[in-house]
Amino acid sequence: MKKLLSIVCATALVCGCATRPQEGPGSGSGADYVPMVAPSSVESTVYEQDLAKCRANAKNVPFKASQHDDALVAVNIGVISAGTWIGWPTLTAAAVVGGMGGFNYWVYTPERRVWQTKQETVMANCMAQRGYINTDPSVRVTWVPPSQRMVETIRPTGRDTYNVEQLAKAQRCNALPVATLVEKGPGFERHTVACTNGQVMAVRCEFGNCRMSPMAAQRS
C-alpha cells in the first residue's frame, strides 16, 4: 500500500512536464507521437511511409509493469467485498467497478510514461536512421551514425604495467607514460611505451624487476 501512496508524487512530476501541442509535429505521446524533424527534400509520400514503419516499431515496445499488482488485487477484493456486504445497487456497483478500473490505470501512470518515452526514442532513432534530423528537445535520439562512432579499444596490461610506466617516467620517455603489454610468459612480461620523441621504449620485467631491453630505440 505504501507503493500506491508514493505514486501520487511520481504522478505529480509527470504532470509537471512541459505540455505538447495538441496537434502537428511534436504532439501526441508514445507510439502516437508525431515527430518534429528539420525540413527535408523528401517527398511527403516517402515521409509518410517512413513514419508508418517507425511507428510500427514503436508499437512493438512492450509495456512491462507489475510491481503494484498485488496491492491492486487486495484493494479490488476489499472494495468488492465491502460492496457485497453493504448490498450496493446495480448502478452503484457498476460505477464503482468502473472507478476501480480507472484507479488501476492511474496507478501505473509513471511507468506508462516511461514506456511511452521508450516508444518515442525508438521512433526517433528509426527516423534518424532514415536521414531525418530530430528538432524536438523533449525526445532523445540515441542512435549514432556509424561514421561518428568511436572504436573503443582495450589496452592490454599486466602485473608489471605500473612499474613499467614508472620506469619510463624516470627515464624521461614520457611525462604521462602509457605501457602496453606485448608478451607474457612464466615469470616475465614485455611492455612497450611510446615516448614523446617518437621512439618506443621496450621494457622487460622478470618477477617484478623491470629494465629497458635492447630494442628501446625503436621508431614508432
C-alpha atoms as a PDB file:
ATOM      1  CA  MET A   1       0.000   0.000   0.000  1.00  0.00           C
ATOM      2  CA  LYS A   2       2.938   2.338   0.635  1.00  0.00           C
ATOM      3  CA  LYS A   3       3.874   1.977  -3.034  1.00  0.00           C
ATOM      4  CA  LEU A   4       0.396   3.075  -4.058  1.00  0.00           C
ATOM      5  CA  LEU A   5       0.623   6.192  -1.923  1.00  0.00           C
ATOM      6  CA  SER A   6       4.055   7.044  -3.335  1.00  0.00           C
ATOM      7  CA  ILE A   7       2.568   7.067  -6.830  1.00  0.00           C
ATOM      8  CA  VAL A   8       0.947  10.436  -6.102  1.00  0.00           C
ATOM      9  CA  CYS A   9       4.324  12.203  -6.005  1.00  0.00           C
ATOM     10  CA  ALA A  10       5.556  10.471  -9.137  1.00  0.00           C
ATOM     11  CA  THR A  11       2.369  11.350 -10.983  1.00  0.00           C
ATOM     12  CA  ALA A  12       2.735  14.973  -9.972  1.00  0.00           C
ATOM     13  CA  LEU A  13       6.195  15.004 -11.514  1.00  0.00           C
ATOM     14  CA  VAL A  14       4.866  13.511 -14.728  1.00  0.00           C
ATOM     15  CA  CYS A  15       2.065  16.066 -14.921  1.00  0.00           C
ATOM     16  CA  GLY A  16       4.595  18.825 -14.346  1.00  0.00           C
ATOM     17  CA  CYS A  17       6.396  18.082 -17.594  1.00  0.00           C
ATOM     18  CA  ALA A  18       6.188  20.617 -20.399  1.00  0.00           C
ATOM     19  CA  THR A  19       2.945  20.281 -22.329  1.00  0.00           C
ATOM     20  CA  ARG A  20       2.998  19.398 -26.005  1.00  0.00           C
ATOM     21  CA  PRO A  21       0.930  20.883 -28.801  1.00  0.00           C
ATOM     22  CA  GLN A  22      -2.494  19.385 -29.375  1.00  0.00           C
ATOM     23  CA  GLU A  23      -1.740  18.501 -32.985  1.00  0.00           C
ATOM     24  CA  GLY A  24       1.000  18.625 -35.608  1.00  0.00           C
ATOM     25  CA  PRO A  25       4.745  17.985 -35.147  1.00  0.00           C
ATOM     26  CA  GLY A  26       5.668  17.383 -31.529  1.00  0.00           C
ATOM     27  CA  SER A  27       2.170  16.361 -30.477  1.00  0.00           C
ATOM     28  CA  GLY A  28       0.989  13.042 -29.110  1.00  0.00           C
ATOM     29  CA  SER A  29       2.903  10.570 -26.968  1.00  0.00           C
ATOM     30  CA  GLY A  30       4.293   7.063 -27.170  1.00  0.00           C
ATOM     31  CA  ALA A  31       3.607   5.322 -30.469  1.00  0.00           C
ATOM     32  CA  ASP A  32       1.157   8.122 -31.348  1.00  0.00           C
ATOM     33  CA  TYR A  33       3.876  10.777 -31.112  1.00  0.00           C
ATOM     34  CA  VAL A  34       4.259  12.964 -34.216  1.00  0.00           C
ATOM     35  CA  PRO A  35       7.992  13.505 -34.882  1.00  0.00           C
ATOM     36  CA  MET A  36       9.371  17.022 -35.107  1.00  0.00           C
ATOM     37  CA  VAL A  37      12.122  16.979 -37.729  1.00  0.00           C
ATOM     38  CA  ALA A  38      14.110  19.517 -39.695  1.00  0.00           C
ATOM     39  CA  PRO A  39      12.807  20.488 -43.165  1.00  0.00           C
ATOM     40  CA  SER A  40      13.737  17.897 -45.762  1.00  0.00           C
ATOM     41  CA  SER A  41      13.515  17.476 -49.515  1.00  0.00           C
ATOM     42  CA  VAL A  42      11.966  14.035 -49.075  1.00  0.00           C
ATOM     43  CA  GLU A  43       8.577  13.679 -50.763  1.00  0.00           C
ATOM     44  CA  SER A  44       5.584  13.627 -48.447  1.00  0.00           C
ATOM     45  CA  THR A  45       4.569  10.132 -49.549  1.00  0.00           C
ATOM     46  CA  VAL A  46       8.025   8.780 -48.730  1.00  0.00           C
ATOM     47  CA  TYR A  47       7.967  10.567 -45.384  1.00  0.00           C
ATOM     48  CA  GLU A  48       4.598   9.072 -44.503  1.00  0.00           C
ATOM     49  CA  GLN A  49       5.856   5.597 -45.397  1.00  0.00           C
ATOM     50  CA  ASP A  50       8.954   6.065 -43.235  1.00  0.00           C
ATOM     51  CA  LEU A  51       6.835   7.389 -40.384  1.00  0.00           C
ATOM     52  CA  ALA A  52       4.452   4.432 -40.610  1.00  0.00           C
ATOM     53  CA  LYS A  53       7.345   1.956 -40.392  1.00  0.00           C
ATOM     54  CA  CYS A  54       8.890   3.767 -37.429  1.00  0.00           C
ATOM     55  CA  ARG A  55       5.540   3.985 -35.647  1.00  0.00           C
ATOM     56  CA  ALA A  56       5.082   0.239 -36.121  1.00  0.00           C
ATOM     57  CA  ASN A  57       8.493  -0.302 -34.486  1.00  0.00           C
ATOM     58  CA  ALA A  58       7.443   1.877 -31.555  1.00  0.00           C
ATOM     59  CA  LYS A  59       4.226  -0.088 -31.081  1.00  0.00           C
ATOM     60  CA  ASN A  60       6.278  -3.273 -30.699  1.00  0.00           C
ATOM     61  CA  VAL A  61       7.840  -1.965 -27.477  1.00  0.00           C
ATOM     62  CA  PRO A  62       6.022  -3.932 -24.738  1.00  0.00           C
ATOM     63  CA  PHE A  63       4.624  -2.350 -21.600  1.00  0.00           C
ATOM     64  CA  LYS A  64       6.082  -4.163 -18.591  1.00  0.00           C
ATOM     65  CA  ALA A  65       4.891  -3.185 -15.120  1.00  0.00           C
ATOM     66  CA  SER A  66       3.584  -5.468 -12.399  1.00  0.00           C
ATOM     67  CA  GLN A  67       5.053  -4.144  -9.145  1.00  0.00           C
ATOM     68  CA  HIS A  68       1.686  -2.831  -7.911  1.00  0.00           C
ATOM     69  CA  ASP A  69      -0.444  -5.794  -8.995  1.00  0.00           C
ATOM     70  CA  ASP A  70      -0.591  -7.478  -5.580  1.00  0.00           C
ATOM     71  CA  ALA A  71      -1.671  -4.267  -3.839  1.00  0.00           C
ATOM     72  CA  LEU A  72      -4.275  -3.555  -6.528  1.00  0.00           C
ATOM     73  CA  VAL A  73      -5.723  -7.062  -6.189  1.00  0.00           C
ATOM     74  CA  ALA A  74      -6.027  -6.545  -2.436  1.00  0.00           C
ATOM     75  CA  VAL A  75      -7.751  -3.171  -2.923  1.00  0.00           C
ATOM     76  CA  ASN A  76     -10.135  -4.543  -5.551  1.00  0.00           C
ATOM     77  CA  ILE A  77     -11.094  -7.536  -3.430  1.00  0.00           C
ATOM     78  CA  GLY A  78     -11.631  -5.290  -0.419  1.00  0.00           C
ATOM     79  CA  VAL A  79     -13.883  -2.893  -2.329  1.00  0.00           C
ATOM     80  CA  ILE A  80     -15.929  -5.678  -3.918  1.00  0.00           C
ATOM     81  CA  SER A  81     -16.296  -7.463  -0.587  1.00  0.00           C
ATOM     82  CA  ALA A  82     -17.460  -4.233   1.077  1.00  0.00           C
ATOM     83  CA  GLY A  83     -19.953  -3.614  -1.708  1.00  0.00           C
ATOM     84  CA  THR A  84     -21.333  -7.125  -1.438  1.00  0.00           C
ATOM     85  CA  TRP A  85     -21.698  -6.819   2.325  1.00  0.00           C
ATOM     86  CA  ILE A  86     -23.393  -3.408   2.104  1.00  0.00           C
ATOM     87  CA  GLY A  87     -25.573  -4.502  -0.781  1.00  0.00           C
ATOM     88  CA  TRP A  88     -24.897  -1.806  -3.369  1.00  0.00           C
ATOM     89  CA  PRO A  89     -27.498  -1.282  -6.096  1.00  0.00           C
ATOM     90  CA  THR A  90     -26.536  -2.458  -9.585  1.00  0.00           C
ATOM     91  CA  LEU A  91     -25.823   1.050 -10.894  1.00  0.00           C
ATOM     92  CA  THR A  92     -23.687   1.901  -7.894  1.00  0.00           C
ATOM     93  CA  ALA A  93     -21.719  -1.323  -8.229  1.00  0.00           C
ATOM     94  CA  ALA A  94     -21.170  -0.668 -11.939  1.00  0.00           C
ATOM     95  CA  ALA A  95     -19.929   2.838 -11.195  1.00  0.00           C
ATOM     96  CA  VAL A  96     -17.559   1.557  -8.507  1.00  0.00           C
ATOM     97  CA  VAL A  97     -16.170  -1.148 -10.803  1.00  0.00           C
ATOM     98  CA  GLY A  98     -15.592   1.477 -13.488  1.00  0.00           C
ATOM     99  CA  GLY A  99     -13.870   3.708 -10.966  1.00  0.00           C
ATOM    100  CA  MET A 100     -11.645   0.844  -9.871  1.00  0.00           C
ATOM    101  CA  GLY A 101     -10.615   0.279 -13.466  1.00  0.00           C
ATOM    102  CA  GLY A 102      -9.676   3.940 -13.776  1.00  0.00           C
ATOM    103  CA  PHE A 103      -7.780   3.787 -10.484  1.00  0.00           C
ATOM    104  CA  ASN A 104      -5.836   0.746 -11.631  1.00  0.00           C
ATOM    105  CA  TYR A 105      -4.909   2.577 -14.829  1.00  0.00           C
ATOM    106  CA  TRP A 106      -3.873   5.693 -12.903  1.00  0.00           C
ATOM    107  CA  VAL A 107      -1.594   3.765 -10.535  1.00  0.00           C
ATOM    108  CA  TYR A 108       0.701   2.821 -13.418  1.00  0.00           C
ATOM    109  CA  THR A 109       0.821   6.340 -14.875  1.00  0.00           C
ATOM    110  CA  PRO A 110       4.556   6.900 -14.128  1.00  0.00           C
ATOM    111  CA  GLU A 111       5.506   3.500 -15.573  1.00  0.00           C
ATOM    112  CA  ARG A 112       3.332   4.177 -18.597  1.00  0.00           C
ATOM    113  CA  ARG A 113       5.112   7.471 -19.216  1.00  0.00           C
ATOM    114  CA  VAL A 114       8.494   5.720 -19.110  1.00  0.00           C
ATOM    115  CA  TRP A 115       7.160   3.204 -21.620  1.00  0.00           C
ATOM    116  CA  GLN A 116       5.897   5.981 -23.877  1.00  0.00           C
ATOM    117  CA  THR A 117       9.277   7.713 -23.672  1.00  0.00           C
ATOM    118  CA  LYS A 118      10.947   4.495 -24.841  1.00  0.00           C
ATOM    119  CA  GLN A 119       8.488   4.294 -27.728  1.00  0.00           C
ATOM    120  CA  GLU A 120       9.278   7.884 -28.717  1.00  0.00           C
ATOM    121  CA  THR A 121      13.011   7.174 -28.623  1.00  0.00           C
ATOM    122  CA  VAL A 122      12.546   4.077 -30.767  1.00  0.00           C
ATOM    123  CA  MET A 123      10.585   6.158 -33.261  1.00  0.00           C
ATOM    124  CA  ALA A 124      13.137   8.999 -33.227  1.00  0.00           C
ATOM    125  CA  ASN A 125      16.012   6.559 -33.723  1.00  0.00           C
ATOM    126  CA  CYS A 126      14.184   4.921 -36.610  1.00  0.00           C
ATOM    127  CA  MET A 127      13.596   8.285 -38.265  1.00  0.00           C
ATOM    128  CA  ALA A 128      17.226   9.289 -37.693  1.00  0.00           C
ATOM    129  CA  GLN A 129      18.405   6.122 -39.415  1.00  0.00           C
ATOM    130  CA  ARG A 130      16.381   7.211 -42.425  1.00  0.00           C
ATOM    131  CA  GLY A 131      18.118  10.589 -42.537  1.00  0.00           C
ATOM    132  CA  TYR A 132      15.644  12.783 -40.643  1.00  0.00           C
ATOM    133  CA  ILE A 133      17.041  15.224 -38.069  1.00  0.00           C
ATOM    134  CA  ASN A 134      15.135  15.445 -34.785  1.00  0.00           C
ATOM    135  CA  THR A 135      14.422  19.006 -33.602  1.00  0.00           C
ATOM    136  CA  ASP A 136      12.271  18.173 -30.577  1.00  0.00           C
ATOM    137  CA  PRO A 137      14.304  18.675 -27.363  1.00  0.00           C
ATOM    138  CA  SER A 138      11.805  16.565 -25.416  1.00  0.00           C
ATOM    139  CA  VAL A 139      12.670  13.416 -27.394  1.00  0.00           C
ATOM    140  CA  ARG A 140      16.034  11.747 -27.026  1.00  0.00           C
ATOM    141  CA  VAL A 141      17.804  10.226 -30.036  1.00  0.00           C
ATOM    142  CA  THR A 142      20.309   7.554 -29.012  1.00  0.00           C
ATOM    143  CA  TRP A 143      21.223   6.258 -32.471  1.00  0.00           C
ATOM    144  CA  VAL A 144      24.635   7.408 -33.728  1.00  0.00           C
ATOM    145  CA  PRO A 145      25.687   7.181 -37.402  1.00  0.00           C
ATOM    146  CA  PRO A 146      28.444   4.605 -37.983  1.00  0.00           C
ATOM    147  CA  SER A 147      30.791   7.339 -39.239  1.00  0.00           C
ATOM    148  CA  GLN A 148      30.561   9.101 -35.869  1.00  0.00           C
ATOM    149  CA  ARG A 149      31.039   6.078 -33.675  1.00  0.00           C
ATOM    150  CA  MET A 150      34.339   5.855 -31.856  1.00  0.00           C
ATOM    151  CA  VAL A 151      36.029   2.480 -31.814  1.00  0.00           C
ATOM    152  CA  GLU A 152      36.913   1.706 -28.243  1.00  0.00           C
ATOM    153  CA  THR A 153      39.992  -0.450 -27.783  1.00  0.00           C
ATOM    154  CA  ILE A 154      41.094  -2.142 -24.591  1.00  0.00           C
ATOM    155  CA  ARG A 155      44.783  -1.671 -23.797  1.00  0.00           C
ATOM    156  CA  PRO A 156      46.473  -4.955 -22.790  1.00  0.00           C
ATOM    157  CA  THR A 157      48.007  -4.674 -19.337  1.00  0.00           C
ATOM    158  CA  GLY A 158      49.825  -6.986 -16.961  1.00  0.00           C
ATOM    159  CA  ARG A 159      51.008  -7.279 -13.398  1.00  0.00           C
ATOM    160  CA  ASP A 160      54.030  -5.039 -14.004  1.00  0.00           C
ATOM    161  CA  THR A 161      52.369  -2.365 -16.154  1.00  0.00           C
ATOM    162  CA  TYR A 162      52.533   0.240 -13.378  1.00  0.00           C
ATOM    163  CA  ASN A 163      56.229  -0.451 -12.709  1.00  0.00           C
ATOM    164  CA  VAL A 164      56.987  -0.113 -16.418  1.00  0.00           C
ATOM    165  CA  GLU A 165      55.248   3.263 -16.572  1.00  0.00           C
ATOM    166  CA  GLN A 166      57.205   4.497 -13.536  1.00  0.00           C
ATOM    167  CA  LEU A 167      60.452   3.380 -15.181  1.00  0.00           C
ATOM    168  CA  ALA A 168      59.526   5.145 -18.418  1.00  0.00           C
ATOM    169  CA  LYS A 169      58.763   8.305 -16.460  1.00  0.00           C
ATOM    170  CA  ALA A 170      62.086   8.108 -14.643  1.00  0.00           C
ATOM    171  CA  GLN A 171      63.862   7.692 -17.996  1.00  0.00           C
ATOM    172  CA  ARG A 172      62.027  10.788 -19.277  1.00  0.00           C
ATOM    173  CA  CYS A 173      60.466   8.790 -22.070  1.00  0.00           C
ATOM    174  CA  ASN A 174      57.106  10.444 -21.447  1.00  0.00           C
ATOM    175  CA  ALA A 175      55.715  12.654 -18.699  1.00  0.00           C
ATOM    176  CA  LEU A 176      52.487  10.601 -18.787  1.00  0.00           C
ATOM    177  CA  PRO A 177      53.641   7.190 -19.996  1.00  0.00           C
ATOM    178  CA  VAL A 178      51.152   4.531 -21.060  1.00  0.00           C
ATOM    179  CA  ALA A 179      52.541   1.000 -21.133  1.00  0.00           C
ATOM    180  CA  THR A 180      51.120  -1.750 -23.315  1.00  0.00           C
ATOM    181  CA  LEU A 181      51.659  -5.453 -22.607  1.00  0.00           C
ATOM    182  CA  VAL A 182      53.026  -7.164 -25.725  1.00  0.00           C
ATOM    183  CA  GLU A 183      54.095 -10.543 -24.370  1.00  0.00           C
ATOM    184  CA  LYS A 184      53.654 -12.550 -21.215  1.00  0.00           C
ATOM    185  CA  GLY A 185      55.113 -15.843 -20.047  1.00  0.00           C
ATOM    186  CA  PRO A 186      56.151 -17.772 -16.921  1.00  0.00           C
ATOM    187  CA  GLY A 187      57.787 -15.175 -14.673  1.00  0.00           C
ATOM    188  CA  PHE A 188      58.173 -12.418 -17.246  1.00  0.00           C
ATOM    189  CA  GLU A 189      56.340  -9.663 -19.117  1.00  0.00           C
ATOM    190  CA  ARG A 190      57.317  -7.430 -22.032  1.00  0.00           C
ATOM    191  CA  HIS A 191      55.854  -3.930 -22.419  1.00  0.00           C
ATOM    192  CA  THR A 192      56.266  -1.026 -24.811  1.00  0.00           C
ATOM    193  CA  VAL A 193      55.850   2.676 -24.107  1.00  0.00           C
ATOM    194  CA  ALA A 194      55.524   5.436 -26.723  1.00  0.00           C
ATOM    195  CA  CYS A 195      57.968   8.259 -25.966  1.00  0.00           C
ATOM    196  CA  THR A 196      57.416  11.929 -26.754  1.00  0.00           C
ATOM    197  CA  ASN A 197      60.478  11.970 -29.068  1.00  0.00           C
ATOM    198  CA  GLY A 198      58.855   9.453 -31.390  1.00  0.00           C
ATOM    199  CA  GLN A 199      60.773   6.431 -30.105  1.00  0.00           C
ATOM    200  CA  VAL A 200      59.311   3.349 -28.475  1.00  0.00           C
ATOM    201  CA  MET A 201      60.731   2.248 -25.166  1.00  0.00           C
ATOM    202  CA  ALA A 202      60.749  -1.530 -24.650  1.00  0.00           C
ATOM    203  CA  VAL A 203      60.833  -2.941 -21.130  1.00  0.00           C
ATOM    204  CA  ARG A 204      61.214  -6.494 -19.893  1.00  0.00           C
ATOM    205  CA  CYS A 205      60.132  -7.455 -16.408  1.00  0.00           C
ATOM    206  CA  GLU A 206      61.188 -10.664 -14.670  1.00  0.00           C
ATOM    207  CA  PHE A 207      59.485 -11.456 -11.386  1.00  0.00           C
ATOM    208  CA  GLY A 208      58.725  -7.756 -10.850  1.00  0.00           C
ATOM    209  CA  ASN A 209      62.174  -6.443 -11.788  1.00  0.00           C
ATOM    210  CA  CYS A 210      61.806  -4.204 -14.849  1.00  0.00           C
ATOM    211  CA  ARG A 211      64.546  -2.803 -17.082  1.00  0.00           C
ATOM    212  CA  MET A 212      64.892  -1.428 -20.583  1.00  0.00           C
ATOM    213  CA  SER A 213      65.555  -4.025 -23.257  1.00  0.00           C
ATOM    214  CA  PRO A 214      67.957  -3.631 -26.218  1.00  0.00           C
ATOM    215  CA  MET A 215      65.057  -2.752 -28.537  1.00  0.00           C
ATOM    216  CA  ALA A 216      64.433   0.510 -26.665  1.00  0.00           C
ATOM    217  CA  ALA A 217      65.447   2.732 -29.573  1.00  0.00           C
ATOM    218  CA  GLN A 218      62.705   1.617 -31.974  1.00  0.00           C
ATOM    219  CA  ARG A 219      60.902   4.265 -34.013  1.00  0.00           C
ATOM    220  CA  SER A 220      57.111   4.391 -33.716  1.00  0.00           C
END
